[in-house]
Amino acid sequence: MKSPIIRQILLFGIVSAVISLVLACAGFGIVEFYKIKDESVSRVSSQIDMLAYNLQPTLLFDDKDAANKILLSLKDDPSINKAVLYQTNGEVFAMYGGACQKI
């Protein structure tokens, strides 16, 4: 039979090993979380930049009827109540939704 002091030393060794393992796993998880988060932010940011660059030419309208048709297609999206395209002088060029004022 083992003496109580040996049991206590073995128990202490097992508990300290378990605590070390838990802390190592927690640290690894936190590092991976922030790594994935940073990569996701970077990826989304580059996608937004690419999308904005590609949308820029499509937002240059010279045909009022075409602009109105494109804005009217927004009626299927319930989160959009009003959309307006303004001319550089502030006059409304095309719109979908409620009344608009000159900007």
PDB file of N, CA and C in Angstrom:
ATOM      1  N   MET A   1       0.829  -1.167   0.000  1.00  0.00           N
ATOM      2  CA  MET A   1       0.000   0.000   0.000  1.00  0.00           C
ATOM      3  C   MET A   1       0.885   1.245   0.000  1.00  0.00           C
ATOM      4  N   LYS A   2       0.464   2.241  -0.811  1.00  0.00           N
ATOM      5  CA  LYS A   2       1.258   3.459  -0.917  1.00  0.00           C
ATOM      6  C   LYS A   2       0.990   4.364   0.278  1.00  0.00           C
ATOM      7  N   SER A   3       1.997   5.111   0.612  1.00  0.00           N
ATOM      8  CA  SER A   3       1.839   6.015   1.745  1.00  0.00           C
ATOM      9  C   SER A   3       1.021   7.238   1.325  1.00  0.00           C
ATOM     10  N   PRO A   4       0.372   7.914   2.270  1.00  0.00           N
ATOM     11  CA  PRO A   4      -0.457   9.080   1.955  1.00  0.00           C
ATOM     12  C   PRO A   4       0.340  10.201   1.297  1.00  0.00           C
ATOM     13  N   ILE A   5       1.579  10.360   1.627  1.00  0.00           N
ATOM     14  CA  ILE A   5       2.375  11.428   1.036  1.00  0.00           C
ATOM     15  C   ILE A   5       2.608  11.161  -0.451  1.00  0.00           C
ATOM     16  N   ILE A   6       2.816   9.892  -0.822  1.00  0.00           N
ATOM     17  CA  ILE A   6       3.021   9.543  -2.238  1.00  0.00           C
ATOM     18  C   ILE A   6       1.720   9.772  -3.009  1.00  0.00           C
ATOM     19  N   ARG A   7       0.594   9.405  -2.409  1.00  0.00           N
ATOM     20  CA  ARG A   7      -0.704   9.653  -3.057  1.00  0.00           C
ATOM     21  C   ARG A   7      -0.925  11.142  -3.275  1.00  0.00           C
ATOM     22  N   GLN A   8      -0.578  11.941  -2.309  1.00  0.00           N
ATOM     23  CA  GLN A   8      -0.758  13.390  -2.443  1.00  0.00           C
ATOM     24  C   GLN A   8       0.135  13.957  -3.538  1.00  0.00           C
ATOM     25  N   ILE A   9       1.358  13.463  -3.609  1.00  0.00           N
ATOM     26  CA  ILE A   9       2.272  13.924  -4.664  1.00  0.00           C
ATOM     27  C   ILE A   9       1.748  13.512  -6.039  1.00  0.00           C
ATOM     28  N   LEU A  10       1.267  12.274  -6.178  1.00  0.00           N
ATOM     29  CA  LEU A  10       0.699  11.819  -7.454  1.00  0.00           C
ATOM     30  C   LEU A  10      -0.545  12.620  -7.818  1.00  0.00           C
ATOM     31  N   LEU A  11      -1.395  12.865  -6.844  1.00  0.00           N
ATOM     32  CA  LEU A  11      -2.613  13.649  -7.086  1.00  0.00           C
ATOM     33  C   LEU A  11      -2.262  15.069  -7.509  1.00  0.00           C
ATOM     34  N   PHE A  12      -1.280  15.658  -6.830  1.00  0.00           N
ATOM     35  CA  PHE A  12      -0.833  16.998  -7.192  1.00  0.00           C
ATOM     36  C   PHE A  12      -0.282  17.018  -8.623  1.00  0.00           C
ATOM     37  N   GLY A  13       0.487  16.019  -9.006  1.00  0.00           N
ATOM     38  CA  GLY A  13       1.034  15.923 -10.361  1.00  0.00           C
ATOM     39  C   GLY A  13      -0.061  15.797 -11.406  1.00  0.00           C
ATOM     40  N   ILE A  14      -1.061  14.970 -11.121  1.00  0.00           N
ATOM     41  CA  ILE A  14      -2.172  14.793 -12.067  1.00  0.00           C
ATOM     42  C   ILE A  14      -2.976  16.083 -12.201  1.00  0.00           C
ATOM     43  N   VAL A  15      -3.292  16.719 -11.078  1.00  0.00           N
ATOM     44  CA  VAL A  15      -4.075  17.964 -11.109  1.00  0.00           C
ATOM     45  C   VAL A  15      -3.308  19.059 -11.839  1.00  0.00           C
ATOM     46  N   SER A  16      -2.029  19.198 -11.567  1.00  0.00           N
ATOM     47  CA  SER A  16      -1.249  20.237 -12.252  1.00  0.00           C
ATOM     48  C   SER A  16      -1.139  19.947 -13.749  1.00  0.00           C
ATOM     49  N   ALA A  17      -1.047  18.687 -14.130  1.00  0.00           N
ATOM     50  CA  ALA A  17      -0.999  18.332 -15.548  1.00  0.00           C
ATOM     51  C   ALA A  17      -2.327  18.663 -16.228  1.00  0.00           C
ATOM     52  N   VAL A  18      -3.432  18.372 -15.573  1.00  0.00           N
ATOM     53  CA  VAL A  18      -4.754  18.676 -16.134  1.00  0.00           C
ATOM     54  C   VAL A  18      -4.932  20.187 -16.271  1.00  0.00           C
ATOM     55  N   ILE A  19      -4.536  20.933 -15.244  1.00  0.00           N
ATOM     56  CA  ILE A  19      -4.648  22.394 -15.309  1.00  0.00           C
ATOM     57  C   ILE A  19      -3.793  22.944 -16.448  1.00  0.00           C
ATOM     58  N   SER A  20      -2.585  22.435 -16.605  1.00  0.00           N
ATOM     59  CA  SER A  20      -1.711  22.879 -17.696  1.00  0.00           C
ATOM     60  C   SER A  20      -2.328  22.576 -19.054  1.00  0.00           C
ATOM     61  N   LEU A  21      -2.914  21.401 -19.201  1.00  0.00           N
ATOM     62  CA  LEU A  21      -3.555  21.021 -20.456  1.00  0.00           C
ATOM     63  C   LEU A  21      -4.745  21.924 -20.760  1.00  0.00           C
ATOM     64  N   VAL A  22      -5.562  22.213 -19.760  1.00  0.00           N
ATOM     65  CA  VAL A  22      -6.727  23.089 -19.955  1.00  0.00           C
ATOM     66  C   VAL A  22      -6.277  24.494 -20.342  1.00  0.00           C
ATOM     67  N   LEU A  23      -5.276  25.022 -19.667  1.00  0.00           N
ATOM     68  CA  LEU A  23      -4.778  26.359 -19.996  1.00  0.00           C
ATOM     69  C   LEU A  23      -4.175  26.412 -21.399  1.00  0.00           C
ATOM     70  N   ALA A  24      -3.448  25.371 -21.778  1.00  0.00           N
ATOM     71  CA  ALA A  24      -2.858  25.326 -23.124  1.00  0.00           C
ATOM     72  C   ALA A  24      -3.951  25.288 -24.188  1.00  0.00           C
ATOM     73  N   CYS A  25      -4.981  24.479 -23.964  1.00  0.00           N
ATOM     74  CA  CYS A  25      -6.094  24.402 -24.928  1.00  0.00           C
ATOM     75  C   CYS A  25      -6.832  25.731 -25.015  1.00  0.00           C
ATOM     76  N   ALA A  26      -7.055  26.374 -23.870  1.00  0.00           N
ATOM     77  CA  ALA A  26      -7.738  27.670 -23.869  1.00  0.00           C
ATOM     78  C   ALA A  26      -6.909  28.712 -24.614  1.00  0.00           C
ATOM     79  N   GLY A  27      -5.607  28.737 -24.368  1.00  0.00           N
ATOM     80  CA  GLY A  27      -4.731  29.683 -25.068  1.00  0.00           C
ATOM     81  C   GLY A  27      -4.722  29.445 -26.564  1.00  0.00           C
ATOM     82  N   PHE A  28      -4.640  28.193 -26.958  1.00  0.00           N
ATOM     83  CA  PHE A  28      -4.664  27.851 -28.385  1.00  0.00           C
ATOM     84  C   PHE A  28      -5.987  28.283 -29.015  1.00  0.00           C
ATOM     85  N   GLY A  29      -7.090  28.039 -28.317  1.00  0.00           N
ATOM     86  CA  GLY A  29      -8.406  28.431 -28.830  1.00  0.00           C
ATOM     87  C   GLY A  29      -8.541  29.929 -29.004  1.00  0.00           C
ATOM     88  N   ILE A  30      -8.034  30.688 -28.040  1.00  0.00           N
ATOM     89  CA  ILE A  30      -8.110  32.150 -28.125  1.00  0.00           C
ATOM     90  C   ILE A  30      -7.275  32.667 -29.286  1.00  0.00           C
ATOM     91  N   VAL A  31      -6.073  32.139 -29.450  1.00  0.00           N
ATOM     92  CA  VAL A  31      -5.207  32.568 -30.552  1.00  0.00           C
ATOM     93  C   VAL A  31      -5.861  32.249 -31.893  1.00  0.00           C
ATOM     94  N   GLU A  32      -6.411  31.058 -32.040  1.00  0.00           N
ATOM     95  CA  GLU A  32      -7.066  30.678 -33.295  1.00  0.00           C
ATOM     96  C   GLU A  32      -8.295  31.540 -33.567  1.00  0.00           C
ATOM     97  N   PHE A  33      -9.056  31.865 -32.523  1.00  0.00           N
ATOM     98  CA  PHE A  33     -10.239  32.715 -32.686  1.00  0.00           C
ATOM     99  C   PHE A  33      -9.846  34.067 -33.265  1.00  0.00           C
ATOM    100  N   TYR A  34      -8.837  34.703 -32.673  1.00  0.00           N
ATOM    101  CA  TYR A  34      -8.419  36.015 -33.162  1.00  0.00           C
ATOM    102  C   TYR A  34      -7.775  35.933 -34.541  1.00  0.00           C
ATOM    103  N   LYS A  35      -7.083  34.845 -34.817  1.00  0.00           N
ATOM    104  CA  LYS A  35      -6.483  34.658 -36.139  1.00  0.00           C
ATOM    105  C   LYS A  35      -7.573  34.537 -37.203  1.00  0.00           C
ATOM    106  N   ILE A  36      -8.585  33.720 -36.934  1.00  0.00           N
ATOM    107  CA  ILE A  36      -9.696  33.557 -37.879  1.00  0.00           C
ATOM    108  C   ILE A  36     -10.472  34.851 -38.017  1.00  0.00           C
ATOM    109  N   LYS A  37     -10.677  35.562 -36.909  1.00  0.00           N
ATOM    110  CA  LYS A  37     -11.400  36.830 -36.944  1.00  0.00           C
ATOM    111  C   LYS A  37     -10.663  37.844 -37.811  1.00  0.00           C
ATOM    112  N   ASP A  38      -9.351  37.966 -37.623  1.00  0.00           N
ATOM    113  CA  ASP A  38      -8.566  38.908 -38.413  1.00  0.00           C
ATOM    114  C   ASP A  38      -8.583  38.543 -39.897  1.00  0.00           C
ATOM    115  N   GLU A  39      -8.478  37.251 -40.204  1.00  0.00           N
ATOM    116  CA  GLU A  39      -8.528  36.809 -41.596  1.00  0.00           C
ATOM    117  C   GLU A  39      -9.893  37.107 -42.204  1.00  0.00           C
ATOM    118  N   SER A  40     -10.964  36.906 -41.440  1.00  0.00           N
ATOM    119  CA  SER A  40     -12.314  37.166 -41.936  1.00  0.00           C
ATOM    120  C   SER A  40     -12.513  38.651 -42.211  1.00  0.00           C
ATOM    121  N   VAL A  41     -12.051  39.497 -41.301  1.00  0.00           N
ATOM    122  CA  VAL A  41     -12.179  40.940 -41.492  1.00  0.00           C
ATOM    123  C   VAL A  41     -11.401  41.368 -42.727  1.00  0.00           C
ATOM    124  N   SER A  42     -10.215  40.830 -42.893  1.00  0.00           N
ATOM    125  CA  SER A  42      -9.399  41.172 -44.050  1.00  0.00           C
ATOM    126  C   SER A  42     -10.074  40.723 -45.345  1.00  0.00           C
ATOM    127  N   ARG A  43     -10.627  39.503 -45.339  1.00  0.00           N
ATOM    128  CA  ARG A  43     -11.278  38.971 -46.532  1.00  0.00           C
ATOM    129  C   ARG A  43     -12.530  39.789 -46.876  1.00  0.00           C
ATOM    130  N   VAL A  44     -13.342  40.114 -45.874  1.00  0.00           N
ATOM    131  CA  VAL A  44     -14.561  40.892 -46.112  1.00  0.00           C
ATOM    132  C   VAL A  44     -14.206  42.287 -46.597  1.00  0.00           C
ATOM    133  N   SER A  45     -13.180  42.876 -46.018  1.00  0.00           N
ATOM    134  CA  SER A  45     -12.761  44.208 -46.437  1.00  0.00           C
ATOM    135  C   SER A  45     -12.329  44.222 -47.902  1.00  0.00           C
ATOM    136  N   SER A  46     -11.565  43.221 -48.312  1.00  0.00           N
ATOM    137  CA  SER A  46     -11.141  43.177 -49.713  1.00  0.00           C
ATOM    138  C   SER A  46     -12.316  42.902 -50.642  1.00  0.00           C
ATOM    139  N   GLN A  47     -13.282  42.094 -50.194  1.00  0.00           N
ATOM    140  CA  GLN A  47     -14.471  41.843 -51.011  1.00  0.00           C
ATOM    141  C   GLN A  47     -15.303  43.113 -51.157  1.00  0.00           C
ATOM    142  N   ILE A  48     -15.422  43.889 -50.087  1.00  0.00           N
ATOM    143  CA  ILE A  48     -16.170  45.142 -50.159  1.00  0.00           C
ATOM    144  C   ILE A  48     -15.486  46.116 -51.106  1.00  0.00           C
ATOM    145  N   ASP A  49     -14.154  46.201 -51.019  1.00  0.00           N
ATOM    146  CA  ASP A  49     -13.420  47.087 -51.928  1.00  0.00           C
ATOM    147  C   ASP A  49     -13.637  46.674 -53.382  1.00  0.00           C
ATOM    148  N   MET A  50     -13.582  45.363 -53.638  1.00  0.00           N
ATOM    149  CA  MET A  50     -13.777  44.873 -55.000  1.00  0.00           C
ATOM    150  C   MET A  50     -15.209  45.152 -55.472  1.00  0.00           C
ATOM    151  N   LEU A  51     -16.188  44.922 -54.600  1.00  0.00           N
ATOM    152  CA  LEU A  51     -17.583  45.163 -54.950  1.00  0.00           C
ATOM    153  C   LEU A  51     -17.824  46.640 -55.232  1.00  0.00           C
ATOM    154  N   ALA A  52     -17.282  47.511 -54.389  1.00  0.00           N
ATOM    155  CA  ALA A  52     -17.458  48.950 -54.588  1.00  0.00           C
ATOM    156  C   ALA A  52     -16.826  49.395 -55.898  1.00  0.00           C
ATOM    157  N   TYR A  53     -15.652  48.856 -56.214  1.00  0.00           N
ATOM    158  CA  TYR A  53     -14.988  49.215 -57.461  1.00  0.00           C
ATOM    159  C   TYR A  53     -15.811  48.761 -58.663  1.00  0.00           C
ATOM    160  N   ASN A  54     -16.386  47.549 -58.578  1.00  0.00           N
ATOM    161  CA  ASN A  54     -17.164  47.027 -59.694  1.00  0.00           C
ATOM    162  C   ASN A  54     -18.530  47.683 -59.819  1.00  0.00           C
ATOM    163  N   LEU A  55     -19.081  48.196 -58.735  1.00  0.00           N
ATOM    164  CA  LEU A  55     -20.391  48.834 -58.797  1.00  0.00           C
ATOM    165  C   LEU A  55     -20.324  50.269 -59.290  1.00  0.00           C
ATOM    166  N   GLN A  56     -19.193  50.879 -59.167  1.00  0.00           N
ATOM    167  CA  GLN A  56     -19.069  52.280 -59.514  1.00  0.00           C
ATOM    168  C   GLN A  56     -19.548  52.587 -60.932  1.00  0.00           C
ATOM    169  N   PRO A  57     -19.137  51.853 -61.951  1.00  0.00           N
ATOM    170  CA  PRO A  57     -19.612  52.169 -63.301  1.00  0.00           C
ATOM    171  C   PRO A  57     -21.111  51.930 -63.480  1.00  0.00           C
ATOM    172  N   THR A  58     -21.689  50.975 -62.749  1.00  0.00           N
ATOM    173  CA  THR A  58     -23.107  50.691 -62.933  1.00  0.00           C
ATOM    174  C   THR A  58     -23.984  51.754 -62.307  1.00  0.00           C
ATOM    175  N   LEU A  59     -23.426  52.581 -61.463  1.00  0.00           N
ATOM    176  CA  LEU A  59     -24.217  53.635 -60.839  1.00  0.00           C
ATOM    177  C   LEU A  59     -24.186  54.934 -61.616  1.00  0.00           C
ATOM    178  N   LEU A  60     -23.532  54.933 -62.752  1.00  0.00           N
ATOM    179  CA  LEU A  60     -23.502  56.121 -63.598  1.00  0.00           C
ATOM    180  C   LEU A  60     -24.591  55.988 -64.662  1.00  0.00           C
ATOM    181  N   PHE A  61     -25.743  56.608 -64.407  1.00  0.00           N
ATOM    182  CA  PHE A  61     -26.894  56.494 -65.302  1.00  0.00           C
ATOM    183  C   PHE A  61     -26.988  57.725 -66.190  1.00  0.00           C
ATOM    184  N   ASP A  62     -27.336  57.504 -67.456  1.00  0.00           N
ATOM    185  CA  ASP A  62     -27.646  58.631 -68.330  1.00  0.00           C
ATOM    186  C   ASP A  62     -29.042  58.482 -68.929  1.00  0.00           C
ATOM    187  N   ASP A  63     -29.703  57.350 -68.695  1.00  0.00           N
ATOM    188  CA  ASP A  63     -31.065  57.111 -69.163  1.00  0.00           C
ATOM    189  C   ASP A  63     -32.001  57.069 -67.946  1.00  0.00           C
ATOM    190  N   LYS A  64     -32.884  58.063 -67.852  1.00  0.00           N
ATOM    191  CA  LYS A  64     -33.756  58.182 -66.690  1.00  0.00           C
ATOM    192  C   LYS A  64     -34.691  56.989 -66.565  1.00  0.00           C
ATOM    193  N   ASP A  65     -35.214  56.475 -67.673  1.00  0.00           N
ATOM    194  CA  ASP A  65     -36.125  55.325 -67.617  1.00  0.00           C
ATOM    195  C   ASP A  65     -35.408  54.071 -67.110  1.00  0.00           C
ATOM    196  N   ALA A  66     -34.193  53.849 -67.564  1.00  0.00           N
ATOM    197  CA  ALA A  66     -33.423  52.692 -67.101  1.00  0.00           C
ATOM    198  C   ALA A  66     -33.137  52.805 -65.607  1.00  0.00           C
ATOM    199  N   ALA A  67     -32.805  54.006 -65.160  1.00  0.00           N
ATOM    200  CA  ALA A  67     -32.543  54.214 -63.734  1.00  0.00           C
ATOM    201  C   ALA A  67     -33.800  53.942 -62.913  1.00  0.00           C
ATOM    202  N   ASN A  68     -34.958  54.426 -63.382  1.00  0.00           N
ATOM    203  CA  ASN A  68     -36.215  54.186 -62.664  1.00  0.00           C
ATOM    204  C   ASN A  68     -36.547  52.697 -62.608  1.00  0.00           C
ATOM    205  N   LYS A  69     -36.294  51.966 -63.694  1.00  0.00           N
ATOM    206  CA  LYS A  69     -36.573  50.528 -63.709  1.00  0.00           C
ATOM    207  C   LYS A  69     -35.674  49.788 -62.718  1.00  0.00           C
ATOM    208  N   ILE A  70     -34.412  50.165 -62.677  1.00  0.00           N
ATOM    209  CA  ILE A  70     -33.498  49.514 -61.738  1.00  0.00           C
ATOM    210  C   ILE A  70     -33.904  49.812 -60.301  1.00  0.00           C
ATOM    211  N   LEU A  71     -34.272  51.052 -60.020  1.00  0.00           N
ATOM    212  CA  LEU A  71     -34.716  51.396 -58.669  1.00  0.00           C
ATOM    213  C   LEU A  71     -36.034  50.704 -58.332  1.00  0.00           C
ATOM    214  N   LEU A  72     -36.917  50.544 -59.303  1.00  0.00           N
ATOM    215  CA  LEU A  72     -38.191  49.864 -59.069  1.00  0.00           C
ATOM    216  C   LEU A  72     -37.975  48.393 -58.727  1.00  0.00           C
ATOM    217  N   SER A  73     -36.877  47.818 -59.190  1.00  0.00           N
ATOM    218  CA  SER A  73     -36.579  46.421 -58.857  1.00  0.00           C
ATOM    219  C   SER A  73     -36.285  46.245 -57.364  1.00  0.00           C
ATOM    220  N   LEU A  74     -36.055  47.335 -56.665  1.00  0.00           N
ATOM    221  CA  LEU A  74     -35.785  47.273 -55.225  1.00  0.00           C
ATOM    222  C   LEU A  74     -37.046  47.026 -54.408  1.00  0.00           C
ATOM    223  N   LYS A  75     -38.222  47.088 -55.029  1.00  0.00           N
ATOM    224  CA  LYS A  75     -39.471  46.913 -54.279  1.00  0.00           C
ATOM    225  C   LYS A  75     -39.594  45.509 -53.689  1.00  0.00           C
ATOM    226  N   ASP A  76     -38.861  44.538 -54.219  1.00  0.00           N
ATOM    227  CA  ASP A  76     -38.902  43.176 -53.687  1.00  0.00           C
ATOM    228  C   ASP A  76     -38.134  43.037 -52.371  1.00  0.00           C
ATOM    229  N   ASP A  77     -37.323  44.022 -52.055  1.00  0.00           N
ATOM    230  CA  ASP A  77     -36.555  43.982 -50.802  1.00  0.00           C
ATOM    231  C   ASP A  77     -37.309  44.802 -49.751  1.00  0.00           C
ATOM    232  N   PRO A  78     -37.907  44.142 -48.750  1.00  0.00           N
ATOM    233  CA  PRO A  78     -38.714  44.874 -47.769  1.00  0.00           C
ATOM    234  C   PRO A  78     -37.900  45.815 -46.882  1.00  0.00           C
ATOM    235  N   SER A  79     -36.579  45.681 -46.863  1.00  0.00           N
ATOM    236  CA  SER A  79     -35.764  46.559 -46.022  1.00  0.00           C
ATOM    237  C   SER A  79     -35.480  47.905 -46.694  1.00  0.00           C
ATOM    238  N   ILE A  80     -35.829  48.046 -47.982  1.00  0.00           N
ATOM    239  CA  ILE A  80     -35.587  49.303 -48.700  1.00  0.00           C
ATOM    240  C   ILE A  80     -36.923  49.999 -48.920  1.00  0.00           C
ATOM    241  N   ASN A  81     -37.100  51.139 -48.278  1.00  0.00           N
ATOM    242  CA  ASN A  81     -38.340  51.910 -48.418  1.00  0.00           C
ATOM    243  C   ASN A  81     -38.241  52.957 -49.511  1.00  0.00           C
ATOM    244  N   LYS A  82     -37.033  53.478 -49.713  1.00  0.00           N
ATOM    245  CA  LYS A  82     -36.869  54.560 -50.672  1.00  0.00           C
ATOM    246  C   LYS A  82     -35.442  54.529 -51.210  1.00  0.00           C
ATOM    247  N   ALA A  83     -35.303  54.774 -52.497  1.00  0.00           N
ATOM    248  CA  ALA A  83     -33.983  54.883 -53.130  1.00  0.00           C
ATOM    249  C   ALA A  83     -34.031  56.041 -54.103  1.00  0.00           C
ATOM    250  N   VAL A  84     -33.010  56.867 -54.086  1.00  0.00           N
ATOM    251  CA  VAL A  84     -33.001  58.078 -54.908  1.00  0.00           C
ATOM    252  C   VAL A  84     -31.636  58.242 -55.560  1.00  0.00           C
ATOM    253  N   LEU A  85     -31.646  58.624 -56.833  1.00  0.00           N
ATOM    254  CA  LEU A  85     -30.428  59.011 -57.540  1.00  0.00           C
ATOM    255  C   LEU A  85     -30.523  60.507 -57.818  1.00  0.00           C
ATOM    256  N   TYR A  86     -29.499  61.233 -57.397  1.00  0.00           N
ATOM    257  CA  TYR A  86     -29.473  62.679 -57.581  1.00  0.00           C
ATOM    258  C   TYR A  86     -28.493  63.053 -58.676  1.00  0.00           C
ATOM    259  N   GLN A  87     -28.791  64.160 -59.341  1.00  0.00           N
ATOM    260  CA  GLN A  87     -27.847  64.729 -60.288  1.00  0.00           C
ATOM    261  C   GLN A  87     -26.813  65.519 -59.500  1.00  0.00           C
ATOM    262  N   THR A  88     -25.740  65.908 -60.152  1.00  0.00           N
ATOM    263  CA  THR A  88     -24.692  66.646 -59.445  1.00  0.00           C
ATOM    264  C   THR A  88     -25.178  67.996 -58.932  1.00  0.00           C
ATOM    265  N   ASN A  89     -26.224  68.558 -59.544  1.00  0.00           N
ATOM    266  CA  ASN A  89     -26.752  69.839 -59.072  1.00  0.00           C
ATOM    267  C   ASN A  89     -27.756  69.667 -57.924  1.00  0.00           C
ATOM    268  N   GLY A  90     -28.011  68.438 -57.494  1.00  0.00           N
ATOM    269  CA  GLY A  90     -28.904  68.185 -56.376  1.00  0.00           C
ATOM    270  C   GLY A  90     -30.336  67.845 -56.774  1.00  0.00           C
ATOM    271  N   GLU A  91     -30.657  67.937 -58.048  1.00  0.00           N
ATOM    272  CA  GLU A  91     -31.998  67.587 -58.513  1.00  0.00           C
ATOM    273  C   GLU A  91     -32.159  66.068 -58.528  1.00  0.00           C
ATOM    274  N   VAL A  92     -33.399  65.613 -58.292  1.00  0.00           N
ATOM    275  CA  VAL A  92     -33.685  64.183 -58.330  1.00  0.00           C
ATOM    276  C   VAL A  92     -33.637  63.712 -59.778  1.00  0.00           C
ATOM    277  N   PHE A  93     -32.856  62.660 -60.025  1.00  0.00           N
ATOM    278  CA  PHE A  93     -32.758  62.091 -61.364  1.00  0.00           C
ATOM    279  C   PHE A  93     -33.729  60.924 -61.511  1.00  0.00           C
ATOM    280  N   ALA A  94     -33.765  60.044 -60.525  1.00  0.00           N
ATOM    281  CA  ALA A  94     -34.673  58.901 -60.525  1.00  0.00           C
ATOM    282  C   ALA A  94     -34.897  58.502 -59.076  1.00  0.00           C
ATOM    283  N   MET A  95     -36.068  57.873 -58.821  1.00  0.00           N
ATOM    284  CA  MET A  95     -36.352  57.499 -57.446  1.00  0.00           C
ATOM    285  C   MET A  95     -37.330  56.343 -57.365  1.00  0.00           C
ATOM    286  N   TYR A  96     -37.289  55.671 -56.225  1.00  0.00           N
ATOM    287  CA  TYR A  96     -38.262  54.654 -55.882  1.00  0.00           C
ATOM    288  C   TYR A  96     -38.695  54.952 -54.456  1.00  0.00           C
ATOM    289  N   GLY A  97     -39.978  55.015 -54.198  1.00  0.00           N
ATOM    290  CA  GLY A  97     -40.474  55.252 -52.846  1.00  0.00           C
ATOM    291  C   GLY A  97     -41.093  56.613 -52.706  1.00  0.00           C
ATOM    292  N   GLY A  98     -41.054  57.149 -51.484  1.00  0.00           N
ATOM    293  CA  GLY A  98     -41.729  58.407 -51.137  1.00  0.00           C
ATOM    294  C   GLY A  98     -41.105  59.633 -51.774  1.00  0.00           C
ATOM    295  N   ALA A  99     -41.683  60.790 -51.430  1.00  0.00           N
ATOM    296  CA  ALA A  99     -41.248  62.065 -51.990  1.00  0.00           C
ATOM    297  C   ALA A  99     -39.835  62.395 -51.510  1.00  0.00           C
ATOM    298  N   CYS A 100     -39.090  63.078 -52.385  1.00  0.00           N
ATOM    299  CA  CYS A 100     -37.721  63.444 -52.063  1.00  0.00           C
ATOM    300  C   CYS A 100     -37.536  64.943 -52.238  1.00  0.00           C
ATOM    301  N   GLN A 101     -36.595  65.486 -51.503  1.00  0.00           N
ATOM    302  CA  GLN A 101     -36.292  66.899 -51.600  1.00  0.00           C
ATOM    303  C   GLN A 101     -34.937  67.072 -52.277  1.00  0.00           C
ATOM    304  N   LYS A 102     -34.731  68.273 -52.776  1.00  0.00           N
ATOM    305  CA  LYS A 102     -33.429  68.607 -53.377  1.00  0.00           C
ATOM    306  C   LYS A 102     -32.380  68.613 -52.277  1.00  0.00           C
ATOM    307  N   ILE A 103     -31.206  68.066 -52.586  1.00  0.00           N
ATOM    308  CA  ILE A 103     -30.122  68.097 -51.577  1.00  0.00           C
ATOM    309  C   ILE A 103     -29.173  69.231 -51.849  1.00  0.00           C
TER     310      ILE A 103
END
